[in-house]
Amino acid sequence: MLKTSLLLVAGFAGVQLMSANVDGGKAPADYTKQIEAWRARRLERLQAPDGWLSLIGLHWLKDGRNTVGSAKDNDVVLAKGPARLGVVTVKDGKAAIELDPKSGATIDGKKQPSAGLVDDSHEKPTTVAFGTASFYLIDRGGKKGLRVKDSEAETRKHFLGIDDYAVDPSWRIEAKWEAYEPAHTLDIPTVLGTVDKLPVPGKAVFERDGRKYELLPVLEEADAKELFFIFADRTSGKETYGAGRFLYAGMPKEGKVVIDFNKAYNPPCAFTPHATCPLAPPENRLDLTITAGEKKYRGGHH
């Protein structure tokens, strides 16, 4: 299963259970209840022990040996964990770990001295656990790092909840779908300062208050079953997160696609400084005030 390094940043595969159904036409009679249930699932996932609120660190690795542990003289200084956890060696594009015998850490739930590290381009990356904390290897365009999580993270324990705009069926928009043959590509910038080129199968065109707008979705993987939108609007940086918001939509049917802005949600970077999120591309910065979906997080770190 091919995934882009950019979209793995935000762990989008786990969000797909929250995608919109393309049924066309007007919103269903129980629409408000459906959105409220969607928001409840979103909140539950965000607050999970291994959700985005549990992040406590992101450490980039250098080629060769990287000593890891909470002691200050390590190459990678963990916010939590044994003073000497072990050594991660990066060579020829691959990484492996050798644990300190006294660390008490496990690799994929087993007590073993060493192992190769499978990164997050795979469905199950190798997990090194120690107490309530753990880390796994991430790869961003060949740049490798350790993403560290802790179920007891302050960001999780003191989470302030999510503020949403009131559910408004008028923001469930049936847009015209204009397919690209062949698919185009779109430059997506990231908070890392990098730019990824992603496939764009077409564009969604809709009207609001007498004006026409266009949004370009990207595909997460070659056999994607959903469209993924990264967008910003007039509320961005004011009422909503400045870097933009995310939104899934089902695949087009009969030349149309339903874009439900009531399901627009904040990227992980809105909640933690340890995520590496994509930013809304210029093409998806709308001159429109979208008063739907999630608002800016009150406990935001920036």
Protein backbone atom coordinates (compact mmCIF):
# COMPACT_ATOMS: atom_id res chain seq x y z
CA MET A 1 0.00 0.00 0.00
CA LEU A 2 1.65 3.20 -1.20
CA LYS A 3 1.39 6.20 1.08
CA THR A 4 3.07 9.58 0.73
CA SER A 5 5.46 10.74 3.43
CA LEU A 6 3.50 13.96 3.78
CA LEU A 7 0.15 12.42 4.56
CA LEU A 8 1.66 9.94 6.99
CA VAL A 9 2.63 12.96 9.04
CA ALA A 10 -0.87 13.32 10.33
CA GLY A 11 -1.80 9.70 10.52
CA PHE A 12 -4.76 10.15 8.23
CA ALA A 13 -5.46 6.46 7.80
CA GLY A 14 -6.97 6.48 11.28
CA VAL A 15 -9.31 9.33 10.40
CA GLN A 16 -11.00 7.58 7.52
CA LEU A 17 -13.69 6.14 9.76
CA MET A 18 -14.95 9.71 9.98
CA SER A 19 -15.30 10.38 6.28
CA ALA A 20 -18.37 11.75 4.60
CA ASN A 21 -20.75 9.61 2.59
CA VAL A 22 -21.59 10.84 -0.87
CA ASP A 23 -25.34 10.38 -1.07
CA GLY A 24 -26.08 13.63 -2.87
CA GLY A 25 -29.10 15.83 -2.53
CA LYS A 26 -30.22 17.42 0.70
CA ALA A 27 -28.96 16.62 4.16
CA PRO A 28 -30.75 13.69 5.85
CA ALA A 29 -33.47 14.37 8.43
CA ASP A 30 -31.21 13.32 11.30
CA TYR A 31 -28.27 15.31 9.94
CA THR A 32 -27.48 17.19 13.17
CA LYS A 33 -27.37 13.92 15.11
CA GLN A 34 -25.06 12.42 12.50
CA ILE A 35 -22.64 15.33 12.80
CA GLU A 36 -22.75 15.19 16.59
CA ALA A 37 -21.94 11.46 16.47
CA TRP A 38 -19.10 12.15 14.04
CA ARG A 39 -17.70 14.78 16.40
CA ALA A 40 -17.92 12.39 19.34
CA ARG A 41 -15.87 9.78 17.44
CA ARG A 42 -13.37 12.43 16.43
CA LEU A 43 -12.97 13.51 20.06
CA GLU A 44 -12.61 9.94 21.28
CA ARG A 45 -9.87 9.21 18.78
CA LEU A 46 -8.00 12.41 19.54
CA GLN A 47 -8.03 11.63 23.27
CA ALA A 48 -6.99 7.98 22.90
CA PRO A 49 -3.93 6.89 24.92
CA ASP A 50 -1.89 6.83 21.71
CA GLY A 51 -3.68 9.72 19.99
CA TRP A 52 -2.12 13.01 18.90
CA LEU A 53 -2.50 14.52 22.36
CA SER A 54 -0.02 11.94 23.67
CA LEU A 55 2.94 13.30 21.68
CA ILE A 56 5.86 14.44 23.84
CA GLY A 57 8.70 14.53 21.35
CA LEU A 58 9.96 14.39 17.78
CA HIS A 59 13.69 13.82 17.37
CA TRP A 60 15.49 13.78 14.02
CA LEU A 61 18.31 11.28 13.66
CA LYS A 62 21.74 11.69 12.10
CA ASP A 63 23.47 9.07 10.03
CA GLY A 64 25.46 6.66 12.17
CA ARG A 65 25.05 6.14 15.93
CA ASN A 66 22.44 8.02 17.93
CA THR A 67 22.47 7.44 21.69
CA VAL A 68 18.95 7.65 23.13
CA GLY A 69 17.77 8.26 26.69
CA SER A 70 16.64 10.90 29.18
CA ALA A 71 20.17 11.77 30.32
CA LYS A 72 21.25 15.15 28.92
CA ASP A 73 24.41 13.80 27.26
CA ASN A 74 22.49 11.58 24.83
CA ASP A 75 22.26 12.49 21.15
CA VAL A 76 18.49 12.10 21.49
CA VAL A 77 17.29 13.40 24.85
CA LEU A 78 13.91 11.93 25.74
CA ALA A 79 11.46 13.93 27.85
CA LYS A 80 10.65 10.72 29.69
CA GLY A 81 12.30 7.31 29.97
CA PRO A 82 15.45 5.58 31.21
CA ALA A 83 18.69 7.57 31.31
CA ARG A 84 20.27 5.12 28.85
CA LEU A 85 17.70 3.51 26.62
CA GLY A 86 20.01 2.39 23.83
CA VAL A 87 21.51 3.29 20.47
CA VAL A 88 19.72 3.83 17.15
CA THR A 89 22.00 3.41 14.14
CA VAL A 90 21.06 4.84 10.76
CA LYS A 91 22.91 3.40 7.78
CA ASP A 92 22.12 3.13 4.07
CA GLY A 93 18.60 4.47 4.59
CA LYS A 94 17.75 1.95 7.29
CA ALA A 95 17.62 2.17 11.07
CA ALA A 96 18.13 -0.35 13.86
CA ILE A 97 18.11 -0.16 17.64
CA GLU A 98 20.23 -1.86 20.28
CA LEU A 99 18.74 -1.55 23.76
CA ASP A 100 20.71 -0.95 26.92
CA PRO A 101 20.33 -4.17 28.99
CA LYS A 102 19.23 -2.10 32.00
CA SER A 103 16.65 0.02 30.14
CA GLY A 104 13.68 -2.29 30.74
CA ALA A 105 12.35 -1.32 27.31
CA THR A 106 10.57 -3.70 24.95
CA ILE A 107 10.45 -3.93 21.17
CA ASP A 108 6.98 -4.67 19.78
CA GLY A 109 5.99 -5.92 23.23
CA LYS A 110 8.89 -8.34 23.52
CA LYS A 111 12.07 -8.27 25.55
CA GLN A 112 14.79 -8.52 22.95
CA PRO A 113 18.19 -6.83 22.77
CA SER A 114 17.98 -5.36 19.27
CA ALA A 115 15.91 -5.08 16.11
CA GLY A 116 15.59 -3.29 12.82
CA LEU A 117 13.15 -0.38 12.94
CA VAL A 118 10.25 -0.47 10.49
CA ASP A 119 9.09 3.11 9.86
CA ASP A 120 5.58 4.55 9.67
CA SER A 121 5.26 4.02 5.93
CA HIS A 122 4.24 0.53 7.01
CA GLU A 123 0.92 -0.27 8.66
CA LYS A 124 2.63 -1.36 11.87
CA PRO A 125 5.91 0.45 12.56
CA THR A 126 8.26 -1.05 15.13
CA THR A 127 7.35 0.27 18.58
CA VAL A 128 9.87 0.65 21.39
CA ALA A 129 8.06 0.99 24.73
CA PHE A 130 9.28 2.05 28.17
CA GLY A 131 6.79 2.61 30.98
CA THR A 132 3.84 4.70 29.77
CA ALA A 133 5.91 6.07 26.89
CA SER A 134 7.00 4.69 23.52
CA PHE A 135 8.43 5.74 20.19
CA TYR A 136 8.52 4.61 16.58
CA LEU A 137 10.49 5.60 13.50
CA ILE A 138 9.09 8.10 11.00
CA ASP A 139 10.45 8.87 7.54
CA ARG A 140 9.86 12.22 5.86
CA GLY A 141 11.44 12.30 2.45
CA GLY A 142 14.38 10.21 3.60
CA LYS A 143 14.76 12.17 6.83
CA LYS A 144 14.32 9.79 9.78
CA GLY A 145 13.15 10.64 13.26
CA LEU A 146 11.69 9.20 16.46
CA ARG A 147 8.09 10.12 17.30
CA VAL A 148 7.62 9.81 21.06
CA LYS A 149 4.26 9.33 22.77
CA ASP A 150 3.20 9.11 26.41
CA SER A 151 -0.29 8.20 27.59
CA GLU A 152 0.38 10.44 30.61
CA ALA A 153 1.35 13.47 28.51
CA GLU A 154 0.31 16.83 29.94
CA THR A 155 -1.35 17.74 26.65
CA ARG A 156 -3.60 14.70 27.03
CA LYS A 157 -4.29 14.98 30.74
CA HIS A 158 -5.14 18.68 30.50
CA PHE A 159 -6.96 18.68 27.18
CA LEU A 160 -9.46 21.55 26.97
CA GLY A 161 -11.81 19.96 24.45
CA ILE A 162 -12.81 21.04 20.96
CA ASP A 163 -14.88 24.11 20.13
CA ASP A 164 -17.08 23.79 17.06
CA TYR A 165 -19.34 26.06 15.10
CA ALA A 166 -23.02 25.16 15.42
CA VAL A 167 -24.09 22.49 12.94
CA ASP A 168 -25.32 24.22 9.80
CA PRO A 169 -26.75 22.04 7.00
CA SER A 170 -26.12 24.83 4.49
CA TRP A 171 -22.39 24.05 4.75
CA ARG A 172 -23.01 20.54 3.45
CA ILE A 173 -22.36 21.41 -0.18
CA GLU A 174 -22.96 19.33 -3.27
CA ALA A 175 -20.17 20.47 -5.57
CA LYS A 176 -19.67 19.87 -9.27
CA TRP A 177 -16.78 17.50 -9.95
CA GLU A 178 -14.42 18.24 -12.82
CA ALA A 179 -12.06 15.31 -13.32
CA TYR A 180 -8.51 15.73 -14.56
CA GLU A 181 -7.43 13.32 -17.29
CA PRO A 182 -4.70 12.53 -16.52
CA ALA A 183 -4.45 13.47 -12.85
CA HIS A 184 -2.58 16.69 -12.04
CA THR A 185 -0.12 17.22 -9.22
CA LEU A 186 -0.25 19.76 -6.40
CA ASP A 187 2.59 21.21 -4.34
CA ILE A 188 1.77 20.80 -0.65
CA PRO A 189 4.06 22.70 1.76
CA THR A 190 4.71 21.37 5.27
CA VAL A 191 5.69 22.86 8.61
CA LEU A 192 9.12 21.28 8.02
CA GLY A 193 9.70 23.67 5.14
CA THR A 194 9.53 20.86 2.60
CA VAL A 195 7.18 20.56 -0.37
CA ASP A 196 5.56 17.33 -1.55
CA LYS A 197 3.96 16.80 -4.96
CA LEU A 198 0.71 14.87 -4.63
CA PRO A 199 -1.79 13.54 -7.19
CA VAL A 200 -4.95 15.58 -7.76
CA PRO A 201 -7.70 13.65 -9.58
CA GLY A 202 -9.85 16.71 -10.27
CA LYS A 203 -11.45 19.74 -8.68
CA ALA A 204 -14.65 20.44 -6.76
CA VAL A 205 -16.51 23.56 -7.92
CA PHE A 206 -19.30 25.14 -5.88
CA GLU A 207 -21.13 28.41 -5.35
CA ARG A 208 -21.72 30.31 -2.14
CA ASP A 209 -23.48 33.65 -1.90
CA GLY A 210 -23.39 34.05 -5.66
CA ARG A 211 -19.63 33.45 -6.03
CA LYS A 212 -17.84 30.44 -7.48
CA TYR A 213 -15.12 28.60 -5.57
CA GLU A 214 -12.81 25.69 -6.35
CA LEU A 215 -11.07 23.17 -4.09
CA LEU A 216 -8.39 20.69 -5.09
CA PRO A 217 -8.24 17.36 -3.22
CA VAL A 218 -5.23 15.08 -3.05
CA LEU A 219 -5.10 11.30 -2.84
CA GLU A 220 -3.41 9.67 0.15
CA GLU A 221 -2.52 6.49 -1.70
CA ALA A 222 -2.76 4.91 -5.11
CA ASP A 223 -6.00 3.06 -4.29
CA ALA A 224 -7.55 5.80 -2.12
CA LYS A 225 -11.26 5.49 -1.47
CA GLU A 226 -11.66 9.12 -0.38
CA LEU A 227 -10.69 12.63 -1.37
CA PHE A 228 -8.60 14.64 1.07
CA PHE A 229 -8.81 18.44 1.21
CA ILE A 230 -6.36 20.75 2.98
CA PHE A 231 -7.86 24.24 2.95
CA ALA A 232 -7.81 27.67 4.57
CA ASP A 233 -10.37 30.47 4.49
CA ARG A 234 -11.09 33.91 5.94
CA THR A 235 -11.48 32.47 9.45
CA SER A 236 -7.96 30.94 9.40
CA GLY A 237 -5.68 32.52 11.99
CA LYS A 238 -8.66 34.24 13.60
CA GLU A 239 -11.46 31.92 14.61
CA THR A 240 -9.85 28.77 13.20
CA TYR A 241 -6.35 27.31 13.06
CA GLY A 242 -4.03 29.52 11.02
CA ALA A 243 -2.38 26.82 8.91
CA GLY A 244 -5.72 25.54 7.68
CA ARG A 245 -8.02 22.61 8.31
CA PHE A 246 -8.56 19.11 6.94
CA LEU A 247 -11.63 17.58 5.35
CA TYR A 248 -12.47 14.21 3.82
CA ALA A 249 -15.08 13.60 1.15
CA GLY A 250 -16.28 10.45 -0.53
CA MET A 251 -15.33 9.80 -4.13
CA PRO A 252 -17.39 11.63 -6.79
CA LYS A 253 -20.59 10.10 -8.07
CA GLU A 254 -22.41 11.16 -11.22
CA GLY A 255 -20.23 14.23 -11.59
CA LYS A 256 -20.78 15.49 -8.07
CA VAL A 257 -19.03 15.38 -4.70
CA VAL A 258 -20.41 16.28 -1.27
CA ILE A 259 -18.13 18.59 0.72
CA ASP A 260 -19.34 18.82 4.31
CA PHE A 261 -17.58 21.69 6.04
CA ASN A 262 -19.29 20.72 9.30
CA LYS A 263 -16.67 17.94 9.35
CA ALA A 264 -13.70 20.26 8.84
CA TYR A 265 -11.19 19.53 11.59
CA ASN A 266 -7.88 20.76 12.96
CA PRO A 267 -4.57 19.12 11.99
CA PRO A 268 -2.48 17.57 14.77
CA CYS A 269 -0.21 20.63 14.76
CA ALA A 270 -3.05 22.62 16.32
CA PHE A 271 -2.69 20.53 19.46
CA THR A 272 1.00 19.67 19.69
CA PRO A 273 4.32 21.13 18.51
CA HIS A 274 5.60 17.58 17.87
CA ALA A 275 3.57 16.88 14.73
CA THR A 276 4.71 17.61 11.16
CA CYS A 277 1.63 18.70 9.28
CA PRO A 278 0.92 19.76 5.71
CA LEU A 279 -0.21 23.34 5.12
CA ALA A 280 -3.04 24.56 2.93
CA PRO A 281 -1.66 25.17 -0.59
CA PRO A 282 -2.30 28.55 -2.23
CA GLU A 283 -4.86 26.95 -4.55
CA ASN A 284 -7.02 26.00 -1.55
CA ARG A 285 -6.94 29.33 0.29
CA LEU A 286 -10.52 30.47 -0.18
CA ASP A 287 -11.75 34.06 -0.08
CA LEU A 288 -14.72 32.82 1.89
CA THR A 289 -15.73 32.87 5.56
CA ILE A 290 -16.48 29.25 6.42
CA THR A 291 -18.29 29.26 9.76
CA ALA A 292 -18.46 25.48 10.06
CA GLY A 293 -16.39 22.72 11.61
CA GLU A 294 -13.74 23.03 14.31
CA LYS A 295 -12.54 26.33 15.71
CA LYS A 296 -9.09 27.23 16.97
CA TYR A 297 -7.96 25.14 19.96
CA ARG A 298 -8.06 27.20 23.17
CA GLY A 299 -5.03 25.39 24.53
CA GLY A 300 -3.01 25.84 21.35
CA HIS A 301 0.77 26.03 21.70
CA HIS A 302 1.05 28.84 19.13
